[in-house]
N, C-alpha and C. Protein backbone atom coordinates (compact mmCIF):
# COMPACT_ATOMS: atom_id res chain seq x y z
N MET A 1 151.44 -56.30 101.74
CA MET A 1 152.87 -55.81 102.41
C MET A 1 152.30 -55.76 104.08
N GLU A 2 152.70 -56.72 104.74
CA GLU A 2 152.52 -56.41 106.39
C GLU A 2 153.70 -56.12 106.96
N VAL A 3 153.51 -55.08 107.90
CA VAL A 3 154.46 -54.55 108.40
C VAL A 3 154.28 -54.91 109.93
N GLU A 4 155.22 -55.40 110.65
CA GLU A 4 155.31 -55.73 112.00
C GLU A 4 155.57 -54.82 113.00
N CYS A 5 154.96 -54.54 114.00
CA CYS A 5 155.23 -53.57 114.92
C CYS A 5 155.86 -54.28 116.13
N LYS A 6 157.04 -53.94 116.65
CA LYS A 6 157.49 -54.31 117.82
C LYS A 6 157.25 -53.47 118.96
N GLU A 7 156.66 -54.06 120.00
CA GLU A 7 156.26 -53.07 121.14
C GLU A 7 157.63 -52.76 122.11
N SER A 8 157.74 -51.56 122.50
CA SER A 8 158.87 -51.04 123.18
C SER A 8 158.76 -51.45 124.77
N CYS A 9 159.57 -51.94 125.59
CA CYS A 9 159.89 -51.77 126.94
C CYS A 9 160.94 -50.75 127.30
N TYR A 10 160.80 -50.41 128.61
CA TYR A 10 161.59 -49.58 128.99
C TYR A 10 162.39 -49.77 130.24
N TYR A 11 163.55 -49.78 130.50
CA TYR A 11 164.40 -49.86 131.67
C TYR A 11 165.27 -48.83 132.22
N VAL A 12 165.45 -49.13 133.48
CA VAL A 12 166.09 -48.20 134.40
C VAL A 12 167.59 -48.60 134.15
N ASN A 13 168.55 -47.26 133.99
CA ASN A 13 170.22 -47.52 134.26
C ASN A 13 170.46 -46.80 135.25
N PHE A 14 170.84 -47.16 136.30
CA PHE A 14 171.44 -45.98 137.19
C PHE A 14 172.68 -45.60 137.00
N ILE A 15 172.78 -44.02 136.91
CA ILE A 15 173.93 -43.47 137.01
C ILE A 15 174.64 -43.04 138.30
N TYR A 16 173.68 -42.72 139.18
CA TYR A 16 174.32 -42.36 140.42
C TYR A 16 173.34 -42.55 141.65
N THR A 17 173.80 -43.24 142.58
CA THR A 17 172.75 -43.36 144.05
C THR A 17 173.30 -42.98 145.12
N ASN A 18 172.79 -42.16 145.87
CA ASN A 18 173.41 -41.72 147.20
C ASN A 18 171.86 -41.72 148.26
N TRP A 19 172.14 -42.27 149.46
CA TRP A 19 171.26 -41.95 150.77
C TRP A 19 171.87 -41.84 151.57
N THR A 20 171.12 -41.07 152.98
CA THR A 20 171.58 -40.76 153.91
C THR A 20 170.45 -41.58 155.14
N ASP A 21 170.92 -41.75 156.27
CA ASP A 21 169.82 -41.67 157.00
C ASP A 21 170.34 -41.50 158.64
N ASP A 22 169.49 -41.59 159.44
CA ASP A 22 169.76 -41.08 160.81
C ASP A 22 170.21 -42.32 161.59
N ARG A 23 171.31 -42.63 161.77
CA ARG A 23 171.83 -43.78 162.43
C ARG A 23 172.06 -43.16 163.92
N PRO A 24 171.78 -43.97 165.07
CA PRO A 24 171.14 -45.51 165.12
C PRO A 24 169.41 -45.46 164.97
N ARG A 25 168.86 -44.46 165.19
CA ARG A 25 167.53 -44.41 165.26
C ARG A 25 166.82 -45.03 163.85
N PHE A 26 167.20 -44.56 162.63
CA PHE A 26 166.79 -45.12 161.37
C PHE A 26 167.88 -45.50 160.29
N ILE A 27 167.98 -46.87 160.49
CA ILE A 27 168.85 -47.45 159.41
C ILE A 27 168.48 -47.65 158.21
N VAL A 28 168.84 -47.26 156.75
CA VAL A 28 168.68 -47.54 155.74
C VAL A 28 169.82 -48.49 154.83
N ASN A 29 169.62 -49.50 154.13
CA ASN A 29 170.38 -50.10 153.58
C ASN A 29 169.95 -50.21 152.03
N MET A 30 170.35 -49.85 151.09
CA MET A 30 169.97 -49.84 149.75
C MET A 30 170.77 -50.59 148.64
N THR A 31 170.46 -51.43 147.91
CA THR A 31 171.03 -51.95 146.63
C THR A 31 170.26 -51.61 145.46
N PHE A 32 171.08 -51.35 144.59
CA PHE A 32 170.51 -51.17 142.97
C PHE A 32 170.97 -52.09 141.79
N SER A 33 170.16 -52.46 141.22
CA SER A 33 170.87 -53.29 140.11
C SER A 33 170.23 -52.52 138.54
N ASN A 34 171.07 -52.79 137.70
CA ASN A 34 170.72 -52.28 136.36
C ASN A 34 169.88 -52.90 135.56
N GLN A 35 169.21 -53.93 136.32
CA GLN A 35 167.88 -54.71 135.53
C GLN A 35 166.81 -54.29 136.04
N ASN A 36 166.43 -52.75 136.36
CA ASN A 36 165.51 -52.16 136.97
C ASN A 36 165.10 -52.61 138.71
N GLY A 37 166.20 -53.17 139.13
CA GLY A 37 165.85 -53.65 140.60
C GLY A 37 166.34 -52.93 141.77
N VAL A 38 165.67 -52.43 142.60
CA VAL A 38 165.76 -51.51 143.79
C VAL A 38 165.85 -52.75 145.11
N GLY A 39 166.76 -52.57 146.08
CA GLY A 39 166.25 -53.32 147.19
C GLY A 39 166.65 -52.54 148.51
N SER A 40 166.04 -52.89 149.56
CA SER A 40 166.55 -52.15 150.82
C SER A 40 166.06 -52.58 152.06
N THR A 41 166.70 -52.46 153.04
CA THR A 41 166.19 -52.89 154.46
C THR A 41 166.38 -51.55 155.21
N THR A 42 165.30 -51.36 155.91
CA THR A 42 165.07 -50.36 156.76
C THR A 42 164.87 -50.41 158.37
N THR A 43 165.67 -50.37 159.32
CA THR A 43 165.44 -50.80 160.62
C THR A 43 165.12 -49.37 161.23
N ILE A 44 163.89 -49.26 162.13
CA ILE A 44 163.38 -48.29 162.77
C ILE A 44 163.56 -48.70 164.08
N ASN A 45 164.56 -48.08 164.91
CA ASN A 45 164.65 -48.29 166.29
C ASN A 45 163.63 -47.58 167.25
N GLU A 46 162.95 -46.73 166.97
CA GLU A 46 162.07 -46.08 167.88
C GLU A 46 160.66 -45.39 167.01
N PRO A 47 159.44 -45.35 167.22
CA PRO A 47 158.32 -45.25 166.33
C PRO A 47 158.72 -43.54 166.10
N ILE A 48 158.18 -43.38 164.88
CA ILE A 48 158.24 -42.04 164.26
C ILE A 48 156.74 -41.84 164.30
N LEU A 49 156.21 -40.28 165.49
CA LEU A 49 155.05 -40.14 165.14
C LEU A 49 154.50 -39.67 164.13
N SER A 50 155.09 -38.70 163.27
CA SER A 50 154.71 -38.07 162.23
C SER A 50 155.64 -38.16 161.02
N PRO A 51 155.43 -39.51 160.57
CA PRO A 51 156.31 -39.65 159.17
C PRO A 51 156.08 -38.55 158.04
N ILE A 52 156.99 -37.67 157.50
CA ILE A 52 156.35 -37.22 156.09
C ILE A 52 157.36 -37.82 155.03
N SER A 53 156.42 -37.89 153.83
CA SER A 53 157.18 -38.36 152.86
C SER A 53 157.53 -37.04 151.81
N LYS A 54 158.63 -37.10 151.03
CA LYS A 54 158.75 -36.17 150.05
C LYS A 54 159.63 -36.71 148.97
N MET A 55 159.12 -36.35 147.60
CA MET A 55 159.64 -37.28 146.64
C MET A 55 159.39 -35.68 145.26
N LEU A 56 160.66 -35.81 144.64
CA LEU A 56 160.57 -34.90 143.71
C LEU A 56 161.08 -35.83 142.24
N ILE A 57 160.56 -35.80 141.15
CA ILE A 57 161.01 -36.35 139.92
C ILE A 57 161.35 -35.37 139.07
N VAL A 58 162.44 -35.27 138.42
CA VAL A 58 163.23 -34.55 137.27
C VAL A 58 163.69 -34.74 136.53
N GLN A 59 163.40 -34.22 135.18
CA GLN A 59 164.02 -34.81 133.90
C GLN A 59 164.67 -33.68 133.33
N GLN A 60 165.98 -34.00 132.64
CA GLN A 60 166.61 -33.20 131.85
C GLN A 60 167.14 -33.92 130.59
N SER A 61 167.13 -33.11 129.59
CA SER A 61 167.88 -33.41 128.57
C SER A 61 168.65 -32.40 128.01
N PRO A 62 169.61 -32.62 127.16
CA PRO A 62 171.09 -31.71 127.09
C PRO A 62 170.56 -30.19 126.36
N LYS A 63 169.11 -30.54 125.48
CA LYS A 63 169.23 -29.03 124.83
C LYS A 63 167.79 -28.39 125.80
N GLU A 64 167.13 -28.97 126.49
CA GLU A 64 166.00 -28.33 127.08
C GLU A 64 166.33 -28.14 128.55
N LYS A 65 165.64 -27.28 129.17
CA LYS A 65 165.60 -27.00 130.62
C LYS A 65 165.09 -27.72 131.65
N LYS A 66 165.07 -28.00 132.72
CA LYS A 66 164.70 -29.32 133.62
C LYS A 66 163.19 -29.15 133.70
N ARG A 67 162.47 -30.43 133.69
CA ARG A 67 161.02 -30.43 133.65
C ARG A 67 160.85 -31.45 134.80
N ILE A 68 159.80 -30.87 135.70
CA ILE A 68 159.31 -31.76 136.87
C ILE A 68 158.47 -32.33 136.39
N ILE A 69 158.36 -33.63 136.81
CA ILE A 69 157.70 -34.83 136.44
C ILE A 69 156.59 -35.02 137.33
N TYR A 70 157.21 -35.03 138.70
CA TYR A 70 156.15 -35.05 140.09
C TYR A 70 157.19 -34.44 141.27
N ASN A 71 156.21 -33.68 142.20
CA ASN A 71 156.54 -32.91 143.14
C ASN A 71 155.74 -33.29 144.33
N VAL A 72 155.98 -34.09 145.40
CA VAL A 72 154.92 -34.18 146.37
C VAL A 72 155.76 -33.87 147.84
N THR A 73 155.04 -33.51 148.60
CA THR A 73 155.40 -33.45 150.09
C THR A 73 154.05 -33.91 150.98
N THR A 74 153.98 -34.97 151.72
CA THR A 74 152.78 -35.17 152.52
C THR A 74 152.98 -36.16 153.71
N LYS A 75 152.02 -36.27 154.49
CA LYS A 75 152.24 -37.45 155.67
C LYS A 75 152.25 -38.70 155.09
N LEU A 76 152.91 -39.33 155.55
CA LEU A 76 153.26 -41.00 154.99
C LEU A 76 151.78 -41.56 154.90
N CYS A 77 151.01 -41.45 155.60
CA CYS A 77 149.74 -42.16 155.56
C CYS A 77 148.89 -41.59 154.63
N ALA A 78 149.33 -40.70 154.05
CA ALA A 78 148.23 -39.85 152.77
C ALA A 78 149.00 -40.28 151.75
N ILE A 79 150.17 -40.67 151.50
CA ILE A 79 150.95 -40.90 150.28
C ILE A 79 150.15 -41.80 149.42
N GLN A 80 149.64 -43.03 149.93
CA GLN A 80 149.01 -44.06 149.38
C GLN A 80 147.84 -43.47 148.37
N GLY A 81 147.17 -42.84 149.18
CA GLY A 81 145.93 -42.31 148.28
C GLY A 81 146.47 -41.17 147.47
N ILE A 82 147.49 -40.58 147.42
CA ILE A 82 147.94 -39.63 146.25
C ILE A 82 148.70 -40.60 145.23
N LEU A 83 149.40 -41.41 145.44
CA LEU A 83 149.80 -42.40 144.42
C LEU A 83 148.73 -43.29 143.70
N ASN A 84 147.61 -43.74 144.19
CA ASN A 84 146.56 -44.33 143.94
C ASN A 84 145.53 -43.48 142.78
N ALA A 85 145.88 -41.98 143.25
CA ALA A 85 145.14 -40.98 142.17
C ALA A 85 145.58 -40.72 141.41
N VAL A 86 147.24 -41.00 140.76
CA VAL A 86 147.95 -41.00 139.62
C VAL A 86 148.06 -42.31 138.82
N PRO A 87 147.61 -42.72 138.08
CA PRO A 87 147.64 -43.99 137.39
C PRO A 87 148.74 -44.42 136.81
N LEU A 88 149.68 -43.46 136.68
CA LEU A 88 151.32 -43.77 136.05
C LEU A 88 151.88 -44.31 137.56
N PHE A 89 151.62 -43.95 138.52
CA PHE A 89 151.94 -44.54 139.78
C PHE A 89 151.78 -45.64 140.69
N LYS A 90 150.37 -45.75 140.39
CA LYS A 90 149.83 -47.01 141.06
C LYS A 90 150.29 -48.14 140.92
N PRO A 91 150.58 -48.55 139.69
CA PRO A 91 151.40 -49.79 139.42
C PRO A 91 152.57 -50.04 140.29
N ALA A 92 153.65 -49.01 140.33
CA ALA A 92 154.80 -49.03 141.03
C ALA A 92 154.40 -49.03 142.58
N LYS A 93 153.72 -48.27 143.25
CA LYS A 93 153.51 -48.47 144.46
C LYS A 93 152.80 -49.83 145.01
N GLU A 94 151.84 -50.51 144.04
CA GLU A 94 151.45 -51.87 144.21
C GLU A 94 152.63 -52.70 144.27
N SER A 95 153.36 -52.65 143.25
CA SER A 95 154.71 -53.38 143.53
C SER A 95 155.41 -53.55 144.63
N VAL A 96 155.94 -52.22 144.92
CA VAL A 96 156.58 -52.01 146.24
C VAL A 96 155.70 -52.87 147.28
N LEU A 97 154.68 -52.55 147.49
CA LEU A 97 153.72 -53.33 148.48
C LEU A 97 153.63 -54.72 148.62
N LYS A 98 153.67 -55.42 147.14
CA LYS A 98 153.57 -56.84 147.13
C LYS A 98 154.79 -57.25 147.29
N GLN A 99 156.05 -56.53 147.06
CA GLN A 99 157.42 -57.42 146.99
C GLN A 99 158.07 -56.96 148.23
N SER A 100 157.40 -56.28 149.44
CA SER A 100 157.92 -55.99 150.40
C SER A 100 157.05 -56.02 151.90
N ASN A 101 157.72 -55.67 153.04
CA ASN A 101 156.64 -55.50 153.94
C ASN A 101 156.63 -54.11 154.56
N TYR A 102 156.53 -53.25 153.64
CA TYR A 102 156.64 -51.71 153.60
C TYR A 102 155.54 -51.31 154.38
N THR A 103 155.17 -50.07 154.93
CA THR A 103 154.01 -49.70 155.34
C THR A 103 154.08 -48.24 154.70
N PHE A 104 152.59 -47.68 155.06
CA PHE A 104 152.73 -45.95 154.91
C PHE A 104 151.60 -45.55 155.97
N SER A 105 151.95 -46.16 157.35
CA SER A 105 151.14 -45.79 158.57
C SER A 105 151.65 -44.80 159.34
N CYS A 106 150.78 -43.99 159.83
CA CYS A 106 151.47 -42.73 160.91
C CYS A 106 150.85 -43.44 162.02
N PRO A 107 151.56 -43.58 163.35
CA PRO A 107 153.00 -43.22 163.25
C PRO A 107 153.57 -44.85 162.75
N LEU A 108 154.91 -44.34 162.13
CA LEU A 108 155.64 -45.50 161.75
C LEU A 108 156.46 -46.07 162.72
N ASN A 109 155.91 -47.58 162.81
CA ASN A 109 156.45 -48.15 164.23
C ASN A 109 157.46 -48.99 164.13
N LYS A 110 158.40 -49.08 165.27
CA LYS A 110 159.49 -49.66 165.20
C LYS A 110 159.38 -50.98 164.53
N GLY A 111 160.58 -51.34 163.72
CA GLY A 111 160.63 -52.73 162.93
C GLY A 111 161.89 -52.67 161.88
N VAL A 112 161.66 -54.05 161.21
CA VAL A 112 162.38 -54.17 159.89
C VAL A 112 161.65 -54.29 159.02
N TYR A 113 161.97 -53.39 157.92
CA TYR A 113 161.10 -53.26 156.66
C TYR A 113 161.94 -53.64 155.52
N VAL A 114 161.62 -54.67 154.67
CA VAL A 114 162.49 -55.18 153.85
C VAL A 114 161.84 -55.23 152.27
N MET A 115 162.33 -54.58 151.44
CA MET A 115 161.96 -54.79 149.97
C MET A 115 163.29 -55.53 149.25
N ASN A 116 162.81 -56.75 148.67
CA ASN A 116 163.82 -57.34 147.85
C ASN A 116 163.85 -57.23 146.47
N ASN A 117 164.78 -56.61 146.03
CA ASN A 117 164.85 -56.32 144.39
C ASN A 117 163.59 -56.37 143.93
N MET A 118 162.98 -54.86 144.20
CA MET A 118 161.66 -54.50 143.94
C MET A 118 161.97 -54.23 142.34
N ARG A 119 161.08 -54.39 141.37
CA ARG A 119 161.58 -54.06 139.74
C ARG A 119 160.18 -53.16 139.26
N VAL A 120 160.28 -52.53 138.42
CA VAL A 120 159.31 -51.69 137.56
C VAL A 120 159.28 -52.37 136.37
N ASN A 121 157.79 -52.87 136.33
CA ASN A 121 157.38 -53.32 134.96
C ASN A 121 158.08 -52.88 133.88
N PRO A 122 158.75 -53.33 133.04
CA PRO A 122 159.17 -52.58 131.75
C PRO A 122 158.11 -51.84 130.93
N ARG A 123 157.01 -52.26 130.95
CA ARG A 123 155.81 -51.77 130.07
C ARG A 123 155.07 -50.74 131.10
N ASN A 124 155.77 -50.42 132.19
CA ASN A 124 155.07 -49.37 133.06
C ASN A 124 155.03 -47.86 132.16
N PRO A 125 153.58 -47.46 131.97
CA PRO A 125 153.78 -46.34 131.16
C PRO A 125 154.60 -45.08 131.75
N LEU A 126 154.88 -44.74 133.25
CA LEU A 126 156.21 -43.87 133.61
C LEU A 126 156.97 -43.96 132.80
N LEU A 127 157.72 -45.02 132.86
CA LEU A 127 158.97 -45.38 132.22
C LEU A 127 158.81 -44.64 130.76
N SER A 128 157.94 -45.03 129.96
CA SER A 128 157.88 -44.55 128.68
C SER A 128 157.77 -42.86 128.43
N LEU A 129 156.99 -42.25 129.84
CA LEU A 129 156.87 -40.94 129.57
C LEU A 129 158.35 -40.41 129.88
N MET A 130 159.09 -40.98 130.83
CA MET A 130 160.10 -40.51 131.00
C MET A 130 161.60 -40.93 130.30
N HIS A 131 161.23 -41.43 129.35
CA HIS A 131 162.16 -41.87 128.22
C HIS A 131 162.63 -40.57 127.31
N GLN A 132 163.82 -40.43 127.25
CA GLN A 132 164.54 -39.35 126.36
C GLN A 132 165.96 -39.57 125.77
N ALA A 133 165.94 -39.71 124.50
CA ALA A 133 167.23 -40.45 123.88
C ALA A 133 168.24 -39.87 124.64
N LYS A 134 168.72 -38.68 125.09
CA LYS A 134 169.76 -38.13 125.92
C LYS A 134 169.49 -37.78 127.15
N GLY A 135 168.55 -37.86 127.58
CA GLY A 135 168.00 -37.25 128.89
C GLY A 135 168.36 -38.07 129.92
N ILE A 136 168.30 -37.57 131.12
CA ILE A 136 168.57 -38.39 132.48
C ILE A 136 167.35 -37.95 133.48
N PHE A 137 167.26 -38.78 134.43
CA PHE A 137 166.30 -38.31 135.28
C PHE A 137 166.55 -38.48 136.79
N THR A 138 166.43 -37.32 137.51
CA THR A 138 166.85 -37.39 138.97
C THR A 138 165.36 -37.67 139.96
N LEU A 139 165.76 -38.67 141.16
CA LEU A 139 164.56 -38.89 141.86
C LEU A 139 165.34 -38.34 143.34
N MET A 140 164.60 -37.71 143.55
CA MET A 140 165.22 -37.05 144.92
C MET A 140 164.08 -37.16 146.11
N GLY A 141 164.13 -37.56 147.20
CA GLY A 141 163.14 -37.71 148.24
C GLY A 141 163.71 -37.60 149.65
N ALA A 142 162.76 -37.99 150.34
CA ALA A 142 163.01 -38.03 152.33
C ALA A 142 162.11 -38.60 152.66
N LEU A 143 162.16 -39.11 153.83
CA LEU A 143 161.56 -39.42 154.80
C LEU A 143 161.79 -38.60 155.94
N LEU A 144 160.95 -37.74 156.49
CA LEU A 144 161.35 -36.71 157.40
C LEU A 144 160.33 -36.78 158.61
N GLU A 145 160.56 -36.35 159.71
CA GLU A 145 159.86 -36.56 160.94
C GLU A 145 159.36 -35.12 161.19
N GLU A 146 157.99 -35.03 161.45
CA GLU A 146 157.72 -33.42 161.69
C GLU A 146 157.62 -33.34 162.99
N LEU A 147 158.33 -32.60 163.90
CA LEU A 147 158.69 -32.40 165.36
C LEU A 147 157.50 -31.64 165.76
N PRO A 148 157.27 -31.31 167.04
CA PRO A 148 156.01 -30.81 167.81
C PRO A 148 156.39 -29.41 167.50
N ASN A 149 157.09 -28.92 166.93
CA ASN A 149 157.43 -27.16 166.70
C ASN A 149 157.22 -27.20 165.13
N SER A 150 156.70 -28.16 164.62
CA SER A 150 156.46 -27.97 163.03
C SER A 150 157.89 -28.00 162.30
N GLN A 151 158.79 -28.24 162.88
CA GLN A 151 160.36 -28.63 162.24
C GLN A 151 160.22 -29.94 161.43
N MET A 152 161.12 -29.96 160.64
CA MET A 152 161.20 -30.98 160.09
C MET A 152 162.70 -31.58 160.23
N HIS A 153 162.71 -32.86 160.62
CA HIS A 153 163.84 -33.73 161.03
C HIS A 153 164.24 -34.81 160.00
N PRO A 154 165.31 -34.76 159.12
CA PRO A 154 165.38 -35.93 158.07
C PRO A 154 165.58 -37.06 158.98
N LEU A 155 165.06 -38.13 158.61
CA LEU A 155 165.26 -39.73 158.89
C LEU A 155 166.16 -40.62 157.58
N SER A 156 165.69 -40.05 156.72
CA SER A 156 166.48 -40.64 155.31
C SER A 156 166.27 -39.92 154.28
N THR A 157 167.32 -39.54 153.44
CA THR A 157 167.14 -38.77 152.20
C THR A 157 167.83 -39.73 151.36
N TYR A 158 167.40 -39.42 149.93
CA TYR A 158 167.76 -40.09 148.72
C TYR A 158 168.13 -39.59 147.53
N ASN A 159 168.85 -39.81 146.88
CA ASN A 159 169.04 -39.15 145.43
C ASN A 159 169.44 -40.27 144.21
N ILE A 160 168.71 -40.38 143.40
CA ILE A 160 169.25 -41.39 142.41
C ILE A 160 169.04 -40.58 140.85
N ALA A 161 170.02 -40.85 140.15
CA ALA A 161 169.85 -40.45 138.71
C ALA A 161 170.05 -41.50 138.09
N GLY A 162 169.55 -41.48 136.80
CA GLY A 162 169.66 -42.70 135.64
C GLY A 162 169.03 -42.19 134.41
N LYS A 163 168.87 -43.22 133.69
CA LYS A 163 168.56 -42.89 131.93
C LYS A 163 167.22 -44.10 132.02
N ILE A 164 166.73 -43.55 131.21
CA ILE A 164 165.76 -44.92 130.90
C ILE A 164 166.09 -45.16 129.24
N ILE A 165 165.92 -46.35 129.03
CA ILE A 165 166.75 -47.09 127.85
C ILE A 165 165.21 -47.84 127.59
N ARG A 166 165.27 -47.59 126.08
CA ARG A 166 163.93 -48.41 125.22
C ARG A 166 164.89 -49.38 124.40
N LYS A 167 164.19 -50.62 124.49
CA LYS A 167 164.46 -51.86 123.89
C LYS A 167 163.06 -52.47 123.20
N THR A 168 163.33 -53.44 122.39
CA THR A 168 162.30 -53.95 121.84
C THR A 168 161.86 -55.14 122.93
N CYS A 169 160.64 -55.27 123.26
CA CYS A 169 160.20 -56.07 124.11
C CYS A 169 160.43 -57.81 124.01
N GLY A 170 161.16 -58.37 124.65
CA GLY A 170 161.23 -59.80 124.64
C GLY A 170 159.93 -60.51 124.94
N LYS A 171 160.12 -62.15 124.79
CA LYS A 171 158.69 -62.88 125.02
C LYS A 171 158.60 -62.92 126.64
N ASN A 172 159.52 -62.40 127.52
CA ASN A 172 159.14 -63.13 129.08
C ASN A 172 158.63 -61.47 129.41
N GLU A 173 158.38 -60.34 128.80
CA GLU A 173 158.10 -59.08 129.30
C GLU A 173 156.94 -58.60 129.19
């Protein structure tokens, strides 16, 4: 008797999305789709000399306490190296760079940066790690500007909550 094993794919179902920006200096417009897609247009109207990236991923299920999946705060120009060092994040980072004109440079130059419907591969191991039948995840983050007095000024913040849904992979995934 032969048993067929179907591979699982994982999809993001957004429950809540919110972001802020520092208009008119730093303008962010984001779009979300429940097919794992995120799009954004970011307009930077003056250079950001010392951009700082902050990201926190938290997972929570009804019967367990919150679990921190990832927590990082670093200069934007260092984030690429950090993401490359974490095999679960590297494919997502590469996808963002492939599907956009985003940059991880310091300083962050004036310009318009566009990411069109960036999708996370449904076979990405990060999604399988974050999957819990009744659990949710929260992704909170910010792009900050480090001022000369070492204070941080928020340019953009985001708060995204969702569920990771498991399905049997189809032919196209």
